[in-house]
Amino acid sequence: DLFGVKDDVELANVELSNAVSALKN
């Protein structure tokens, strides 16, 4: 929000614990 990209970024509905596998895939 502070750096003006809030509305242009898609937030993933994934638990942070799954971040690495989601990044790899």
PDBML (XML) file of the C-alpha atoms, coordinates in Angstrom:
<?xml version="1.0" encoding="UTF-8" ?>
<PDBx:datablock datablockName="MODEL"
   xmlns:PDBx="http://pdbml.pdb.org/schema/pdbx-v50.xsd"
   xmlns:xsi="http://www.w3.org/2001/XMLSchema-instance"
   xsi:schemaLocation="http://pdbml.pdb.org/schema/pdbx-v50.xsd pdbx-v50.xsd">
   <PDBx:atom_siteCategory>
      <PDBx:atom_site id="1">
         <PDBx:B_iso_or_equiv>0.00</PDBx:B_iso_or_equiv>
         <PDBx:Cartn_x>0.000</PDBx:Cartn_x>
         <PDBx:Cartn_y>0.000</PDBx:Cartn_y>
         <PDBx:Cartn_z>0.000</PDBx:Cartn_z>
         <PDBx:auth_asym_id>A</PDBx:auth_asym_id>
         <PDBx:auth_atom_id>CA</PDBx:auth_atom_id>
         <PDBx:auth_comp_id>ASP</PDBx:auth_comp_id>
         <PDBx:auth_seq_id>1</PDBx:auth_seq_id>
         <PDBx:group_PDB>ATOM</PDBx:group_PDB>
         <PDBx:label_alt_id xsi:nil="true" />
         <PDBx:label_asym_id>A</PDBx:label_asym_id>
         <PDBx:label_atom_id>CA</PDBx:label_atom_id>
         <PDBx:label_comp_id>ASP</PDBx:label_comp_id>
         <PDBx:label_entity_id>1</PDBx:label_entity_id>
         <PDBx:label_seq_id>1</PDBx:label_seq_id>
         <PDBx:occupancy>1.00</PDBx:occupancy>
         <PDBx:pdbx_PDB_model_num>1</PDBx:pdbx_PDB_model_num>
         <PDBx:type_symbol>C</PDBx:type_symbol>
      </PDBx:atom_site>
      <PDBx:atom_site id="2">
         <PDBx:B_iso_or_equiv>0.00</PDBx:B_iso_or_equiv>
         <PDBx:Cartn_x>2.761</PDBx:Cartn_x>
         <PDBx:Cartn_y>2.434</PDBx:Cartn_y>
         <PDBx:Cartn_z>0.985</PDBx:Cartn_z>
         <PDBx:auth_asym_id>A</PDBx:auth_asym_id>
         <PDBx:auth_atom_id>CA</PDBx:auth_atom_id>
         <PDBx:auth_comp_id>LEU</PDBx:auth_comp_id>
         <PDBx:auth_seq_id>2</PDBx:auth_seq_id>
         <PDBx:group_PDB>ATOM</PDBx:group_PDB>
         <PDBx:label_alt_id xsi:nil="true" />
         <PDBx:label_asym_id>A</PDBx:label_asym_id>
         <PDBx:label_atom_id>CA</PDBx:label_atom_id>
         <PDBx:label_comp_id>LEU</PDBx:label_comp_id>
         <PDBx:label_entity_id>1</PDBx:label_entity_id>
         <PDBx:label_seq_id>2</PDBx:label_seq_id>
         <PDBx:occupancy>1.00</PDBx:occupancy>
         <PDBx:pdbx_PDB_model_num>1</PDBx:pdbx_PDB_model_num>
         <PDBx:type_symbol>C</PDBx:type_symbol>
      </PDBx:atom_site>
      <PDBx:atom_site id="3">
         <PDBx:B_iso_or_equiv>0.00</PDBx:B_iso_or_equiv>
         <PDBx:Cartn_x>4.587</PDBx:Cartn_x>
         <PDBx:Cartn_y>2.065</PDBx:Cartn_y>
         <PDBx:Cartn_z>-2.328</PDBx:Cartn_z>
         <PDBx:auth_asym_id>A</PDBx:auth_asym_id>
         <PDBx:auth_atom_id>CA</PDBx:auth_atom_id>
         <PDBx:auth_comp_id>PHE</PDBx:auth_comp_id>
         <PDBx:auth_seq_id>3</PDBx:auth_seq_id>
         <PDBx:group_PDB>ATOM</PDBx:group_PDB>
         <PDBx:label_alt_id xsi:nil="true" />
         <PDBx:label_asym_id>A</PDBx:label_asym_id>
         <PDBx:label_atom_id>CA</PDBx:label_atom_id>
         <PDBx:label_comp_id>PHE</PDBx:label_comp_id>
         <PDBx:label_entity_id>1</PDBx:label_entity_id>
         <PDBx:label_seq_id>3</PDBx:label_seq_id>
         <PDBx:occupancy>1.00</PDBx:occupancy>
         <PDBx:pdbx_PDB_model_num>1</PDBx:pdbx_PDB_model_num>
         <PDBx:type_symbol>C</PDBx:type_symbol>
      </PDBx:atom_site>
      <PDBx:atom_site id="4">
         <PDBx:B_iso_or_equiv>0.00</PDBx:B_iso_or_equiv>
         <PDBx:Cartn_x>1.466</PDBx:Cartn_x>
         <PDBx:Cartn_y>2.260</PDBx:Cartn_y>
         <PDBx:Cartn_z>-4.487</PDBx:Cartn_z>
         <PDBx:auth_asym_id>A</PDBx:auth_asym_id>
         <PDBx:auth_atom_id>CA</PDBx:auth_atom_id>
         <PDBx:auth_comp_id>GLY</PDBx:auth_comp_id>
         <PDBx:auth_seq_id>4</PDBx:auth_seq_id>
         <PDBx:group_PDB>ATOM</PDBx:group_PDB>
         <PDBx:label_alt_id xsi:nil="true" />
         <PDBx:label_asym_id>A</PDBx:label_asym_id>
         <PDBx:label_atom_id>CA</PDBx:label_atom_id>
         <PDBx:label_comp_id>GLY</PDBx:label_comp_id>
         <PDBx:label_entity_id>1</PDBx:label_entity_id>
         <PDBx:label_seq_id>4</PDBx:label_seq_id>
         <PDBx:occupancy>1.00</PDBx:occupancy>
         <PDBx:pdbx_PDB_model_num>1</PDBx:pdbx_PDB_model_num>
         <PDBx:type_symbol>C</PDBx:type_symbol>
      </PDBx:atom_site>
      <PDBx:atom_site id="5">
         <PDBx:B_iso_or_equiv>0.00</PDBx:B_iso_or_equiv>
         <PDBx:Cartn_x>1.198</PDBx:Cartn_x>
         <PDBx:Cartn_y>-1.266</PDBx:Cartn_y>
         <PDBx:Cartn_z>-5.859</PDBx:Cartn_z>
         <PDBx:auth_asym_id>A</PDBx:auth_asym_id>
         <PDBx:auth_atom_id>CA</PDBx:auth_atom_id>
         <PDBx:auth_comp_id>VAL</PDBx:auth_comp_id>
         <PDBx:auth_seq_id>5</PDBx:auth_seq_id>
         <PDBx:group_PDB>ATOM</PDBx:group_PDB>
         <PDBx:label_alt_id xsi:nil="true" />
         <PDBx:label_asym_id>A</PDBx:label_asym_id>
         <PDBx:label_atom_id>CA</PDBx:label_atom_id>
         <PDBx:label_comp_id>VAL</PDBx:label_comp_id>
         <PDBx:label_entity_id>1</PDBx:label_entity_id>
         <PDBx:label_seq_id>5</PDBx:label_seq_id>
         <PDBx:occupancy>1.00</PDBx:occupancy>
         <PDBx:pdbx_PDB_model_num>1</PDBx:pdbx_PDB_model_num>
         <PDBx:type_symbol>C</PDBx:type_symbol>
      </PDBx:atom_site>
      <PDBx:atom_site id="6">
         <PDBx:B_iso_or_equiv>0.00</PDBx:B_iso_or_equiv>
         <PDBx:Cartn_x>-1.519</PDBx:Cartn_x>
         <PDBx:Cartn_y>-2.677</PDBx:Cartn_y>
         <PDBx:Cartn_z>-3.598</PDBx:Cartn_z>
         <PDBx:auth_asym_id>A</PDBx:auth_asym_id>
         <PDBx:auth_atom_id>CA</PDBx:auth_atom_id>
         <PDBx:auth_comp_id>LYS</PDBx:auth_comp_id>
         <PDBx:auth_seq_id>6</PDBx:auth_seq_id>
         <PDBx:group_PDB>ATOM</PDBx:group_PDB>
         <PDBx:label_alt_id xsi:nil="true" />
         <PDBx:label_asym_id>A</PDBx:label_asym_id>
         <PDBx:label_atom_id>CA</PDBx:label_atom_id>
         <PDBx:label_comp_id>LYS</PDBx:label_comp_id>
         <PDBx:label_entity_id>1</PDBx:label_entity_id>
         <PDBx:label_seq_id>6</PDBx:label_seq_id>
         <PDBx:occupancy>1.00</PDBx:occupancy>
         <PDBx:pdbx_PDB_model_num>1</PDBx:pdbx_PDB_model_num>
         <PDBx:type_symbol>C</PDBx:type_symbol>
      </PDBx:atom_site>
      <PDBx:atom_site id="7">
         <PDBx:B_iso_or_equiv>0.00</PDBx:B_iso_or_equiv>
         <PDBx:Cartn_x>-4.202</PDBx:Cartn_x>
         <PDBx:Cartn_y>-2.755</PDBx:Cartn_y>
         <PDBx:Cartn_z>-6.316</PDBx:Cartn_z>
         <PDBx:auth_asym_id>A</PDBx:auth_asym_id>
         <PDBx:auth_atom_id>CA</PDBx:auth_atom_id>
         <PDBx:auth_comp_id>ASP</PDBx:auth_comp_id>
         <PDBx:auth_seq_id>7</PDBx:auth_seq_id>
         <PDBx:group_PDB>ATOM</PDBx:group_PDB>
         <PDBx:label_alt_id xsi:nil="true" />
         <PDBx:label_asym_id>A</PDBx:label_asym_id>
         <PDBx:label_atom_id>CA</PDBx:label_atom_id>
         <PDBx:label_comp_id>ASP</PDBx:label_comp_id>
         <PDBx:label_entity_id>1</PDBx:label_entity_id>
         <PDBx:label_seq_id>7</PDBx:label_seq_id>
         <PDBx:occupancy>1.00</PDBx:occupancy>
         <PDBx:pdbx_PDB_model_num>1</PDBx:pdbx_PDB_model_num>
         <PDBx:type_symbol>C</PDBx:type_symbol>
      </PDBx:atom_site>
      <PDBx:atom_site id="8">
         <PDBx:B_iso_or_equiv>0.00</PDBx:B_iso_or_equiv>
         <PDBx:Cartn_x>-1.847</PDBx:Cartn_x>
         <PDBx:Cartn_y>-4.158</PDBx:Cartn_y>
         <PDBx:Cartn_z>-8.953</PDBx:Cartn_z>
         <PDBx:auth_asym_id>A</PDBx:auth_asym_id>
         <PDBx:auth_atom_id>CA</PDBx:auth_atom_id>
         <PDBx:auth_comp_id>ASP</PDBx:auth_comp_id>
         <PDBx:auth_seq_id>8</PDBx:auth_seq_id>
         <PDBx:group_PDB>ATOM</PDBx:group_PDB>
         <PDBx:label_alt_id xsi:nil="true" />
         <PDBx:label_asym_id>A</PDBx:label_asym_id>
         <PDBx:label_atom_id>CA</PDBx:label_atom_id>
         <PDBx:label_comp_id>ASP</PDBx:label_comp_id>
         <PDBx:label_entity_id>1</PDBx:label_entity_id>
         <PDBx:label_seq_id>8</PDBx:label_seq_id>
         <PDBx:occupancy>1.00</PDBx:occupancy>
         <PDBx:pdbx_PDB_model_num>1</PDBx:pdbx_PDB_model_num>
         <PDBx:type_symbol>C</PDBx:type_symbol>
      </PDBx:atom_site>
      <PDBx:atom_site id="9">
         <PDBx:B_iso_or_equiv>0.00</PDBx:B_iso_or_equiv>
         <PDBx:Cartn_x>-0.622</PDBx:Cartn_x>
         <PDBx:Cartn_y>-7.202</PDBx:Cartn_y>
         <PDBx:Cartn_z>-7.046</PDBx:Cartn_z>
         <PDBx:auth_asym_id>A</PDBx:auth_asym_id>
         <PDBx:auth_atom_id>CA</PDBx:auth_atom_id>
         <PDBx:auth_comp_id>VAL</PDBx:auth_comp_id>
         <PDBx:auth_seq_id>9</PDBx:auth_seq_id>
         <PDBx:group_PDB>ATOM</PDBx:group_PDB>
         <PDBx:label_alt_id xsi:nil="true" />
         <PDBx:label_asym_id>A</PDBx:label_asym_id>
         <PDBx:label_atom_id>CA</PDBx:label_atom_id>
         <PDBx:label_comp_id>VAL</PDBx:label_comp_id>
         <PDBx:label_entity_id>1</PDBx:label_entity_id>
         <PDBx:label_seq_id>9</PDBx:label_seq_id>
         <PDBx:occupancy>1.00</PDBx:occupancy>
         <PDBx:pdbx_PDB_model_num>1</PDBx:pdbx_PDB_model_num>
         <PDBx:type_symbol>C</PDBx:type_symbol>
      </PDBx:atom_site>
      <PDBx:atom_site id="10">
         <PDBx:B_iso_or_equiv>0.00</PDBx:B_iso_or_equiv>
         <PDBx:Cartn_x>-2.572</PDBx:Cartn_x>
         <PDBx:Cartn_y>-10.454</PDBx:Cartn_y>
         <PDBx:Cartn_z>-6.881</PDBx:Cartn_z>
         <PDBx:auth_asym_id>A</PDBx:auth_asym_id>
         <PDBx:auth_atom_id>CA</PDBx:auth_atom_id>
         <PDBx:auth_comp_id>GLU</PDBx:auth_comp_id>
         <PDBx:auth_seq_id>10</PDBx:auth_seq_id>
         <PDBx:group_PDB>ATOM</PDBx:group_PDB>
         <PDBx:label_alt_id xsi:nil="true" />
         <PDBx:label_asym_id>A</PDBx:label_asym_id>
         <PDBx:label_atom_id>CA</PDBx:label_atom_id>
         <PDBx:label_comp_id>GLU</PDBx:label_comp_id>
         <PDBx:label_entity_id>1</PDBx:label_entity_id>
         <PDBx:label_seq_id>10</PDBx:label_seq_id>
         <PDBx:occupancy>1.00</PDBx:occupancy>
         <PDBx:pdbx_PDB_model_num>1</PDBx:pdbx_PDB_model_num>
         <PDBx:type_symbol>C</PDBx:type_symbol>
      </PDBx:atom_site>
      <PDBx:atom_site id="11">
         <PDBx:B_iso_or_equiv>0.00</PDBx:B_iso_or_equiv>
         <PDBx:Cartn_x>-2.406</PDBx:Cartn_x>
         <PDBx:Cartn_y>-11.880</PDBx:Cartn_y>
         <PDBx:Cartn_z>-3.367</PDBx:Cartn_z>
         <PDBx:auth_asym_id>A</PDBx:auth_asym_id>
         <PDBx:auth_atom_id>CA</PDBx:auth_atom_id>
         <PDBx:auth_comp_id>LEU</PDBx:auth_comp_id>
         <PDBx:auth_seq_id>11</PDBx:auth_seq_id>
         <PDBx:group_PDB>ATOM</PDBx:group_PDB>
         <PDBx:label_alt_id xsi:nil="true" />
         <PDBx:label_asym_id>A</PDBx:label_asym_id>
         <PDBx:label_atom_id>CA</PDBx:label_atom_id>
         <PDBx:label_comp_id>LEU</PDBx:label_comp_id>
         <PDBx:label_entity_id>1</PDBx:label_entity_id>
         <PDBx:label_seq_id>11</PDBx:label_seq_id>
         <PDBx:occupancy>1.00</PDBx:occupancy>
         <PDBx:pdbx_PDB_model_num>1</PDBx:pdbx_PDB_model_num>
         <PDBx:type_symbol>C</PDBx:type_symbol>
      </PDBx:atom_site>
      <PDBx:atom_site id="12">
         <PDBx:B_iso_or_equiv>0.00</PDBx:B_iso_or_equiv>
         <PDBx:Cartn_x>-2.206</PDBx:Cartn_x>
         <PDBx:Cartn_y>-15.662</PDBx:Cartn_y>
         <PDBx:Cartn_z>-3.310</PDBx:Cartn_z>
         <PDBx:auth_asym_id>A</PDBx:auth_asym_id>
         <PDBx:auth_atom_id>CA</PDBx:auth_atom_id>
         <PDBx:auth_comp_id>ALA</PDBx:auth_comp_id>
         <PDBx:auth_seq_id>12</PDBx:auth_seq_id>
         <PDBx:group_PDB>ATOM</PDBx:group_PDB>
         <PDBx:label_alt_id xsi:nil="true" />
         <PDBx:label_asym_id>A</PDBx:label_asym_id>
         <PDBx:label_atom_id>CA</PDBx:label_atom_id>
         <PDBx:label_comp_id>ALA</PDBx:label_comp_id>
         <PDBx:label_entity_id>1</PDBx:label_entity_id>
         <PDBx:label_seq_id>12</PDBx:label_seq_id>
         <PDBx:occupancy>1.00</PDBx:occupancy>
         <PDBx:pdbx_PDB_model_num>1</PDBx:pdbx_PDB_model_num>
         <PDBx:type_symbol>C</PDBx:type_symbol>
      </PDBx:atom_site>
      <PDBx:atom_site id="13">
         <PDBx:B_iso_or_equiv>0.00</PDBx:B_iso_or_equiv>
         <PDBx:Cartn_x>-4.661</PDBx:Cartn_x>
         <PDBx:Cartn_y>-17.472</PDBx:Cartn_y>
         <PDBx:Cartn_z>-1.075</PDBx:Cartn_z>
         <PDBx:auth_asym_id>A</PDBx:auth_asym_id>
         <PDBx:auth_atom_id>CA</PDBx:auth_atom_id>
         <PDBx:auth_comp_id>ASN</PDBx:auth_comp_id>
         <PDBx:auth_seq_id>13</PDBx:auth_seq_id>
         <PDBx:group_PDB>ATOM</PDBx:group_PDB>
         <PDBx:label_alt_id xsi:nil="true" />
         <PDBx:label_asym_id>A</PDBx:label_asym_id>
         <PDBx:label_atom_id>CA</PDBx:label_atom_id>
         <PDBx:label_comp_id>ASN</PDBx:label_comp_id>
         <PDBx:label_entity_id>1</PDBx:label_entity_id>
         <PDBx:label_seq_id>13</PDBx:label_seq_id>
         <PDBx:occupancy>1.00</PDBx:occupancy>
         <PDBx:pdbx_PDB_model_num>1</PDBx:pdbx_PDB_model_num>
         <PDBx:type_symbol>C</PDBx:type_symbol>
      </PDBx:atom_site>
      <PDBx:atom_site id="14">
         <PDBx:B_iso_or_equiv>0.00</PDBx:B_iso_or_equiv>
         <PDBx:Cartn_x>-2.088</PDBx:Cartn_x>
         <PDBx:Cartn_y>-19.957</PDBx:Cartn_y>
         <PDBx:Cartn_z>0.159</PDBx:Cartn_z>
         <PDBx:auth_asym_id>A</PDBx:auth_asym_id>
         <PDBx:auth_atom_id>CA</PDBx:auth_atom_id>
         <PDBx:auth_comp_id>VAL</PDBx:auth_comp_id>
         <PDBx:auth_seq_id>14</PDBx:auth_seq_id>
         <PDBx:group_PDB>ATOM</PDBx:group_PDB>
         <PDBx:label_alt_id xsi:nil="true" />
         <PDBx:label_asym_id>A</PDBx:label_asym_id>
         <PDBx:label_atom_id>CA</PDBx:label_atom_id>
         <PDBx:label_comp_id>VAL</PDBx:label_comp_id>
         <PDBx:label_entity_id>1</PDBx:label_entity_id>
         <PDBx:label_seq_id>14</PDBx:label_seq_id>
         <PDBx:occupancy>1.00</PDBx:occupancy>
         <PDBx:pdbx_PDB_model_num>1</PDBx:pdbx_PDB_model_num>
         <PDBx:type_symbol>C</PDBx:type_symbol>
      </PDBx:atom_site>
      <PDBx:atom_site id="15">
         <PDBx:B_iso_or_equiv>0.00</PDBx:B_iso_or_equiv>
         <PDBx:Cartn_x>-0.694</PDBx:Cartn_x>
         <PDBx:Cartn_y>-20.587</PDBx:Cartn_y>
         <PDBx:Cartn_z>3.629</PDBx:Cartn_z>
         <PDBx:auth_asym_id>A</PDBx:auth_asym_id>
         <PDBx:auth_atom_id>CA</PDBx:auth_atom_id>
         <PDBx:auth_comp_id>GLU</PDBx:auth_comp_id>
         <PDBx:auth_seq_id>15</PDBx:auth_seq_id>
         <PDBx:group_PDB>ATOM</PDBx:group_PDB>
         <PDBx:label_alt_id xsi:nil="true" />
         <PDBx:label_asym_id>A</PDBx:label_asym_id>
         <PDBx:label_atom_id>CA</PDBx:label_atom_id>
         <PDBx:label_comp_id>GLU</PDBx:label_comp_id>
         <PDBx:label_entity_id>1</PDBx:label_entity_id>
         <PDBx:label_seq_id>15</PDBx:label_seq_id>
         <PDBx:occupancy>1.00</PDBx:occupancy>
         <PDBx:pdbx_PDB_model_num>1</PDBx:pdbx_PDB_model_num>
         <PDBx:type_symbol>C</PDBx:type_symbol>
      </PDBx:atom_site>
      <PDBx:atom_site id="16">
         <PDBx:B_iso_or_equiv>0.00</PDBx:B_iso_or_equiv>
         <PDBx:Cartn_x>2.815</PDBx:Cartn_x>
         <PDBx:Cartn_y>-19.215</PDBx:Cartn_y>
         <PDBx:Cartn_z>4.147</PDBx:Cartn_z>
         <PDBx:auth_asym_id>A</PDBx:auth_asym_id>
         <PDBx:auth_atom_id>CA</PDBx:auth_atom_id>
         <PDBx:auth_comp_id>LEU</PDBx:auth_comp_id>
         <PDBx:auth_seq_id>16</PDBx:auth_seq_id>
         <PDBx:group_PDB>ATOM</PDBx:group_PDB>
         <PDBx:label_alt_id xsi:nil="true" />
         <PDBx:label_asym_id>A</PDBx:label_asym_id>
         <PDBx:label_atom_id>CA</PDBx:label_atom_id>
         <PDBx:label_comp_id>LEU</PDBx:label_comp_id>
         <PDBx:label_entity_id>1</PDBx:label_entity_id>
         <PDBx:label_seq_id>16</PDBx:label_seq_id>
         <PDBx:occupancy>1.00</PDBx:occupancy>
         <PDBx:pdbx_PDB_model_num>1</PDBx:pdbx_PDB_model_num>
         <PDBx:type_symbol>C</PDBx:type_symbol>
      </PDBx:atom_site>
      <PDBx:atom_site id="17">
         <PDBx:B_iso_or_equiv>0.00</PDBx:B_iso_or_equiv>
         <PDBx:Cartn_x>3.923</PDBx:Cartn_x>
         <PDBx:Cartn_y>-22.702</PDBx:Cartn_y>
         <PDBx:Cartn_z>5.173</PDBx:Cartn_z>
         <PDBx:auth_asym_id>A</PDBx:auth_asym_id>
         <PDBx:auth_atom_id>CA</PDBx:auth_atom_id>
         <PDBx:auth_comp_id>SER</PDBx:auth_comp_id>
         <PDBx:auth_seq_id>17</PDBx:auth_seq_id>
         <PDBx:group_PDB>ATOM</PDBx:group_PDB>
         <PDBx:label_alt_id xsi:nil="true" />
         <PDBx:label_asym_id>A</PDBx:label_asym_id>
         <PDBx:label_atom_id>CA</PDBx:label_atom_id>
         <PDBx:label_comp_id>SER</PDBx:label_comp_id>
         <PDBx:label_entity_id>1</PDBx:label_entity_id>
         <PDBx:label_seq_id>17</PDBx:label_seq_id>
         <PDBx:occupancy>1.00</PDBx:occupancy>
         <PDBx:pdbx_PDB_model_num>1</PDBx:pdbx_PDB_model_num>
         <PDBx:type_symbol>C</PDBx:type_symbol>
      </PDBx:atom_site>
      <PDBx:atom_site id="18">
         <PDBx:B_iso_or_equiv>0.00</PDBx:B_iso_or_equiv>
         <PDBx:Cartn_x>3.333</PDBx:Cartn_x>
         <PDBx:Cartn_y>-23.726</PDBx:Cartn_y>
         <PDBx:Cartn_z>1.533</PDBx:Cartn_z>
         <PDBx:auth_asym_id>A</PDBx:auth_asym_id>
         <PDBx:auth_atom_id>CA</PDBx:auth_atom_id>
         <PDBx:auth_comp_id>ASN</PDBx:auth_comp_id>
         <PDBx:auth_seq_id>18</PDBx:auth_seq_id>
         <PDBx:group_PDB>ATOM</PDBx:group_PDB>
         <PDBx:label_alt_id xsi:nil="true" />
         <PDBx:label_asym_id>A</PDBx:label_asym_id>
         <PDBx:label_atom_id>CA</PDBx:label_atom_id>
         <PDBx:label_comp_id>ASN</PDBx:label_comp_id>
         <PDBx:label_entity_id>1</PDBx:label_entity_id>
         <PDBx:label_seq_id>18</PDBx:label_seq_id>
         <PDBx:occupancy>1.00</PDBx:occupancy>
         <PDBx:pdbx_PDB_model_num>1</PDBx:pdbx_PDB_model_num>
         <PDBx:type_symbol>C</PDBx:type_symbol>
      </PDBx:atom_site>
      <PDBx:atom_site id="19">
         <PDBx:B_iso_or_equiv>0.00</PDBx:B_iso_or_equiv>
         <PDBx:Cartn_x>5.284</PDBx:Cartn_x>
         <PDBx:Cartn_y>-20.799</PDBx:Cartn_y>
         <PDBx:Cartn_z>0.065</PDBx:Cartn_z>
         <PDBx:auth_asym_id>A</PDBx:auth_asym_id>
         <PDBx:auth_atom_id>CA</PDBx:auth_atom_id>
         <PDBx:auth_comp_id>ALA</PDBx:auth_comp_id>
         <PDBx:auth_seq_id>19</PDBx:auth_seq_id>
         <PDBx:group_PDB>ATOM</PDBx:group_PDB>
         <PDBx:label_alt_id xsi:nil="true" />
         <PDBx:label_asym_id>A</PDBx:label_asym_id>
         <PDBx:label_atom_id>CA</PDBx:label_atom_id>
         <PDBx:label_comp_id>ALA</PDBx:label_comp_id>
         <PDBx:label_entity_id>1</PDBx:label_entity_id>
         <PDBx:label_seq_id>19</PDBx:label_seq_id>
         <PDBx:occupancy>1.00</PDBx:occupancy>
         <PDBx:pdbx_PDB_model_num>1</PDBx:pdbx_PDB_model_num>
         <PDBx:type_symbol>C</PDBx:type_symbol>
      </PDBx:atom_site>
      <PDBx:atom_site id="20">
         <PDBx:B_iso_or_equiv>0.00</PDBx:B_iso_or_equiv>
         <PDBx:Cartn_x>8.316</PDBx:Cartn_x>
         <PDBx:Cartn_y>-22.773</PDBx:Cartn_y>
         <PDBx:Cartn_z>-1.080</PDBx:Cartn_z>
         <PDBx:auth_asym_id>A</PDBx:auth_asym_id>
         <PDBx:auth_atom_id>CA</PDBx:auth_atom_id>
         <PDBx:auth_comp_id>VAL</PDBx:auth_comp_id>
         <PDBx:auth_seq_id>20</PDBx:auth_seq_id>
         <PDBx:group_PDB>ATOM</PDBx:group_PDB>
         <PDBx:label_alt_id xsi:nil="true" />
         <PDBx:label_asym_id>A</PDBx:label_asym_id>
         <PDBx:label_atom_id>CA</PDBx:label_atom_id>
         <PDBx:label_comp_id>VAL</PDBx:label_comp_id>
         <PDBx:label_entity_id>1</PDBx:label_entity_id>
         <PDBx:label_seq_id>20</PDBx:label_seq_id>
         <PDBx:occupancy>1.00</PDBx:occupancy>
         <PDBx:pdbx_PDB_model_num>1</PDBx:pdbx_PDB_model_num>
         <PDBx:type_symbol>C</PDBx:type_symbol>
      </PDBx:atom_site>
      <PDBx:atom_site id="21">
         <PDBx:B_iso_or_equiv>0.00</PDBx:B_iso_or_equiv>
         <PDBx:Cartn_x>6.349</PDBx:Cartn_x>
         <PDBx:Cartn_y>-25.486</PDBx:Cartn_y>
         <PDBx:Cartn_z>-2.893</PDBx:Cartn_z>
         <PDBx:auth_asym_id>A</PDBx:auth_asym_id>
         <PDBx:auth_atom_id>CA</PDBx:auth_atom_id>
         <PDBx:auth_comp_id>SER</PDBx:auth_comp_id>
         <PDBx:auth_seq_id>21</PDBx:auth_seq_id>
         <PDBx:group_PDB>ATOM</PDBx:group_PDB>
         <PDBx:label_alt_id xsi:nil="true" />
         <PDBx:label_asym_id>A</PDBx:label_asym_id>
         <PDBx:label_atom_id>CA</PDBx:label_atom_id>
         <PDBx:label_comp_id>SER</PDBx:label_comp_id>
         <PDBx:label_entity_id>1</PDBx:label_entity_id>
         <PDBx:label_seq_id>21</PDBx:label_seq_id>
         <PDBx:occupancy>1.00</PDBx:occupancy>
         <PDBx:pdbx_PDB_model_num>1</PDBx:pdbx_PDB_model_num>
         <PDBx:type_symbol>C</PDBx:type_symbol>
      </PDBx:atom_site>
      <PDBx:atom_site id="22">
         <PDBx:B_iso_or_equiv>0.00</PDBx:B_iso_or_equiv>
         <PDBx:Cartn_x>4.064</PDBx:Cartn_x>
         <PDBx:Cartn_y>-22.843</PDBx:Cartn_y>
         <PDBx:Cartn_z>-4.464</PDBx:Cartn_z>
         <PDBx:auth_asym_id>A</PDBx:auth_asym_id>
         <PDBx:auth_atom_id>CA</PDBx:auth_atom_id>
         <PDBx:auth_comp_id>ALA</PDBx:auth_comp_id>
         <PDBx:auth_seq_id>22</PDBx:auth_seq_id>
         <PDBx:group_PDB>ATOM</PDBx:group_PDB>
         <PDBx:label_alt_id xsi:nil="true" />
         <PDBx:label_asym_id>A</PDBx:label_asym_id>
         <PDBx:label_atom_id>CA</PDBx:label_atom_id>
         <PDBx:label_comp_id>ALA</PDBx:label_comp_id>
         <PDBx:label_entity_id>1</PDBx:label_entity_id>
         <PDBx:label_seq_id>22</PDBx:label_seq_id>
         <PDBx:occupancy>1.00</PDBx:occupancy>
         <PDBx:pdbx_PDB_model_num>1</PDBx:pdbx_PDB_model_num>
         <PDBx:type_symbol>C</PDBx:type_symbol>
      </PDBx:atom_site>
      <PDBx:atom_site id="23">
         <PDBx:B_iso_or_equiv>0.00</PDBx:B_iso_or_equiv>
         <PDBx:Cartn_x>7.128</PDBx:Cartn_x>
         <PDBx:Cartn_y>-20.933</PDBx:Cartn_y>
         <PDBx:Cartn_z>-5.670</PDBx:Cartn_z>
         <PDBx:auth_asym_id>A</PDBx:auth_asym_id>
         <PDBx:auth_atom_id>CA</PDBx:auth_atom_id>
         <PDBx:auth_comp_id>LEU</PDBx:auth_comp_id>
         <PDBx:auth_seq_id>23</PDBx:auth_seq_id>
         <PDBx:group_PDB>ATOM</PDBx:group_PDB>
         <PDBx:label_alt_id xsi:nil="true" />
         <PDBx:label_asym_id>A</PDBx:label_asym_id>
         <PDBx:label_atom_id>CA</PDBx:label_atom_id>
         <PDBx:label_comp_id>LEU</PDBx:label_comp_id>
         <PDBx:label_entity_id>1</PDBx:label_entity_id>
         <PDBx:label_seq_id>23</PDBx:label_seq_id>
         <PDBx:occupancy>1.00</PDBx:occupancy>
         <PDBx:pdbx_PDB_model_num>1</PDBx:pdbx_PDB_model_num>
         <PDBx:type_symbol>C</PDBx:type_symbol>
      </PDBx:atom_site>
      <PDBx:atom_site id="24">
         <PDBx:B_iso_or_equiv>0.00</PDBx:B_iso_or_equiv>
         <PDBx:Cartn_x>8.739</PDBx:Cartn_x>
         <PDBx:Cartn_y>-24.075</PDBx:Cartn_y>
         <PDBx:Cartn_z>-7.122</PDBx:Cartn_z>
         <PDBx:auth_asym_id>A</PDBx:auth_asym_id>
         <PDBx:auth_atom_id>CA</PDBx:auth_atom_id>
         <PDBx:auth_comp_id>LYS</PDBx:auth_comp_id>
         <PDBx:auth_seq_id>24</PDBx:auth_seq_id>
         <PDBx:group_PDB>ATOM</PDBx:group_PDB>
         <PDBx:label_alt_id xsi:nil="true" />
         <PDBx:label_asym_id>A</PDBx:label_asym_id>
         <PDBx:label_atom_id>CA</PDBx:label_atom_id>
         <PDBx:label_comp_id>LYS</PDBx:label_comp_id>
         <PDBx:label_entity_id>1</PDBx:label_entity_id>
         <PDBx:label_seq_id>24</PDBx:label_seq_id>
         <PDBx:occupancy>1.00</PDBx:occupancy>
         <PDBx:pdbx_PDB_model_num>1</PDBx:pdbx_PDB_model_num>
         <PDBx:type_symbol>C</PDBx:type_symbol>
      </PDBx:atom_site>
      <PDBx:atom_site id="25">
         <PDBx:B_iso_or_equiv>0.00</PDBx:B_iso_or_equiv>
         <PDBx:Cartn_x>5.519</PDBx:Cartn_x>
         <PDBx:Cartn_y>-25.073</PDBx:Cartn_y>
         <PDBx:Cartn_z>-8.882</PDBx:Cartn_z>
         <PDBx:auth_asym_id>A</PDBx:auth_asym_id>
         <PDBx:auth_atom_id>CA</PDBx:auth_atom_id>
         <PDBx:auth_comp_id>ASN</PDBx:auth_comp_id>
         <PDBx:auth_seq_id>25</PDBx:auth_seq_id>
         <PDBx:group_PDB>ATOM</PDBx:group_PDB>
         <PDBx:label_alt_id xsi:nil="true" />
         <PDBx:label_asym_id>A</PDBx:label_asym_id>
         <PDBx:label_atom_id>CA</PDBx:label_atom_id>
         <PDBx:label_comp_id>ASN</PDBx:label_comp_id>
         <PDBx:label_entity_id>1</PDBx:label_entity_id>
         <PDBx:label_seq_id>25</PDBx:label_seq_id>
         <PDBx:occupancy>1.00</PDBx:occupancy>
         <PDBx:pdbx_PDB_model_num>1</PDBx:pdbx_PDB_model_num>
         <PDBx:type_symbol>C</PDBx:type_symbol>
      </PDBx:atom_site>
   </PDBx:atom_siteCategory>
</PDBx:datablock>
